[in-house]
C-alpha cells in the first residue's frame, strides 16, 4: 500500500505505518462514522419485509454498542 510502502522497517517506521493505517482504515471514530453513514443510507423499511426490519435492528444495535464503548 502506498501509504506505508516507503517507510522502511525500523521500529519507528513500523509505528508510523501502524498509525497511518489505523487513521485511514480503522480506529474507533472511523468505525462509528462508517456505521452512521450506513444508517444514513439505509432505505425505508418496506411494509411486510421482516428482512429490512432485522437489518435495521442489527445496524442500530451495532451503532449503540459502538457509541457506548466510545463513551
C-alpha atoms as a PDB file:
ATOM      1  CA  UNK A   1       0.000   0.000   0.000  1.00  0.00           C
ATOM      2  CA  UNK A   2       1.353   3.382  -0.990  1.00  0.00           C
ATOM      3  CA  UNK A   3       0.576   4.983   2.383  1.00  0.00           C
ATOM      4  CA  UNK A   4       3.251   2.918   4.148  1.00  0.00           C
ATOM      5  CA  UNK A   5       5.284   1.431   1.323  1.00  0.00           C
ATOM      6  CA  UNK A   6       8.352   3.663   1.703  1.00  0.00           C
ATOM      7  CA  UNK A   7       8.520   3.985   5.484  1.00  0.00           C
ATOM      8  CA  UNK A   8      11.156   1.321   5.999  1.00  0.00           C
ATOM      9  CA  UNK A   9      11.460  -1.495   8.511  1.00  0.00           C
ATOM     10  CA  UNK A  10      12.652   0.133  11.723  1.00  0.00           C
ATOM     11  CA  UNK A  11      10.654   0.263  14.940  1.00  0.00           C
ATOM     12  CA  UNK A  12       9.804   3.910  14.296  1.00  0.00           C
ATOM     13  CA  UNK A  13       8.758   3.143  10.712  1.00  0.00           C
ATOM     14  CA  UNK A  14       6.531   0.335  11.967  1.00  0.00           C
ATOM     15  CA  UNK A  15       4.879   2.649  14.495  1.00  0.00           C
ATOM     16  CA  UNK A  16       4.353   5.319  11.835  1.00  0.00           C
ATOM     17  CA  UNK A  17       2.896   2.774   9.391  1.00  0.00           C
ATOM     18  CA  UNK A  18       0.563   1.390  12.028  1.00  0.00           C
ATOM     19  CA  UNK A  19      -0.600   4.880  12.936  1.00  0.00           C
ATOM     20  CA  UNK A  20      -1.223   5.838   9.303  1.00  0.00           C
ATOM     21  CA  UNK A  21      -3.163   2.659   8.579  1.00  0.00           C
ATOM     22  CA  UNK A  22      -5.184   2.996  11.771  1.00  0.00           C
ATOM     23  CA  UNK A  23      -6.088   6.560  10.863  1.00  0.00           C
ATOM     24  CA  UNK A  24      -7.005   5.662   7.321  1.00  0.00           C
ATOM     25  CA  UNK A  25      -8.821   2.374   7.802  1.00  0.00           C
ATOM     26  CA  UNK A  26      -9.522   1.762  11.450  1.00  0.00           C
ATOM     27  CA  UNK A  27      -9.914   3.335  14.773  1.00  0.00           C
ATOM     28  CA  UNK A  28     -12.991   3.657  16.876  1.00  0.00           C
ATOM     29  CA  UNK A  29     -14.043   7.025  15.479  1.00  0.00           C
ATOM     30  CA  UNK A  30     -13.702   5.792  11.893  1.00  0.00           C
ATOM     31  CA  UNK A  31     -15.798   2.715  12.627  1.00  0.00           C
ATOM     32  CA  UNK A  32     -18.550   4.819  14.208  1.00  0.00           C
ATOM     33  CA  UNK A  33     -18.529   7.167  11.214  1.00  0.00           C
ATOM     34  CA  UNK A  34     -18.871   4.197   8.854  1.00  0.00           C
ATOM     35  CA  UNK A  35     -21.791   2.769  10.846  1.00  0.00           C
ATOM     36  CA  UNK A  36     -23.561   6.134  10.940  1.00  0.00           C
ATOM     37  CA  UNK A  37     -23.025   6.569   7.211  1.00  0.00           C
ATOM     38  CA  UNK A  38     -24.523   3.142   6.625  1.00  0.00           C
ATOM     39  CA  UNK A  39     -27.534   4.132   8.740  1.00  0.00           C
ATOM     40  CA  UNK A  40     -27.943   7.372   6.746  1.00  0.00           C
ATOM     41  CA  UNK A  41     -28.010   5.348   3.527  1.00  0.00           C
ATOM     42  CA  UNK A  42     -30.483   2.814   4.873  1.00  0.00           C
ATOM     43  CA  UNK A  43     -33.629   2.699   2.767  1.00  0.00           C
ATOM     44  CA  UNK A  44     -37.026   2.932   4.479  1.00  0.00           C
ATOM     45  CA  UNK A  45     -38.329  -0.370   5.759  1.00  0.00           C
ATOM     46  CA  UNK A  46     -40.739  -1.891   3.276  1.00  0.00           C
ATOM     47  CA  UNK A  47     -44.091  -2.948   4.718  1.00  0.00           C
ATOM     48  CA  UNK A  48     -44.211  -6.647   5.461  1.00  0.00           C
ATOM     49  CA  UNK A  49     -40.478  -7.121   4.910  1.00  0.00           C
ATOM     50  CA  UNK A  50     -39.031  -8.711   8.033  1.00  0.00           C
ATOM     51  CA  UNK A  51     -35.556  -8.791   6.496  1.00  0.00           C
ATOM     52  CA  UNK A  52     -35.484  -4.975   6.296  1.00  0.00           C
ATOM     53  CA  UNK A  53     -36.581  -4.711   9.921  1.00  0.00           C
ATOM     54  CA  UNK A  54     -33.937  -7.220  11.050  1.00  0.00           C
ATOM     55  CA  UNK A  55     -31.230  -5.332   9.143  1.00  0.00           C
ATOM     56  CA  UNK A  56     -32.288  -2.031  10.721  1.00  0.00           C
ATOM     57  CA  UNK A  57     -32.340  -3.581  14.198  1.00  0.00           C
ATOM     58  CA  UNK A  58     -28.885  -5.130  13.704  1.00  0.00           C
ATOM     59  CA  UNK A  59     -27.405  -1.878  12.428  1.00  0.00           C
ATOM     60  CA  UNK A  60     -28.948   0.123  15.261  1.00  0.00           C
ATOM     61  CA  UNK A  61     -27.634  -2.345  17.846  1.00  0.00           C
ATOM     62  CA  UNK A  62     -24.091  -2.158  16.436  1.00  0.00           C
ATOM     63  CA  UNK A  63     -24.181   1.651  16.494  1.00  0.00           C
ATOM     64  CA  UNK A  64     -25.491   1.803  20.067  1.00  0.00           C
ATOM     65  CA  UNK A  65     -22.805  -0.607  21.292  1.00  0.00           C
ATOM     66  CA  UNK A  66     -20.074   1.270  19.423  1.00  0.00           C
ATOM     67  CA  UNK A  67     -21.180   4.611  20.838  1.00  0.00           C
ATOM     68  CA  UNK A  68     -21.352   3.214  24.386  1.00  0.00           C
ATOM     69  CA  UNK A  69     -17.839   1.807  24.044  1.00  0.00           C
ATOM     70  CA  UNK A  70     -16.619   5.194  22.814  1.00  0.00           C
ATOM     71  CA  UNK A  71     -18.160   6.913  25.822  1.00  0.00           C
END
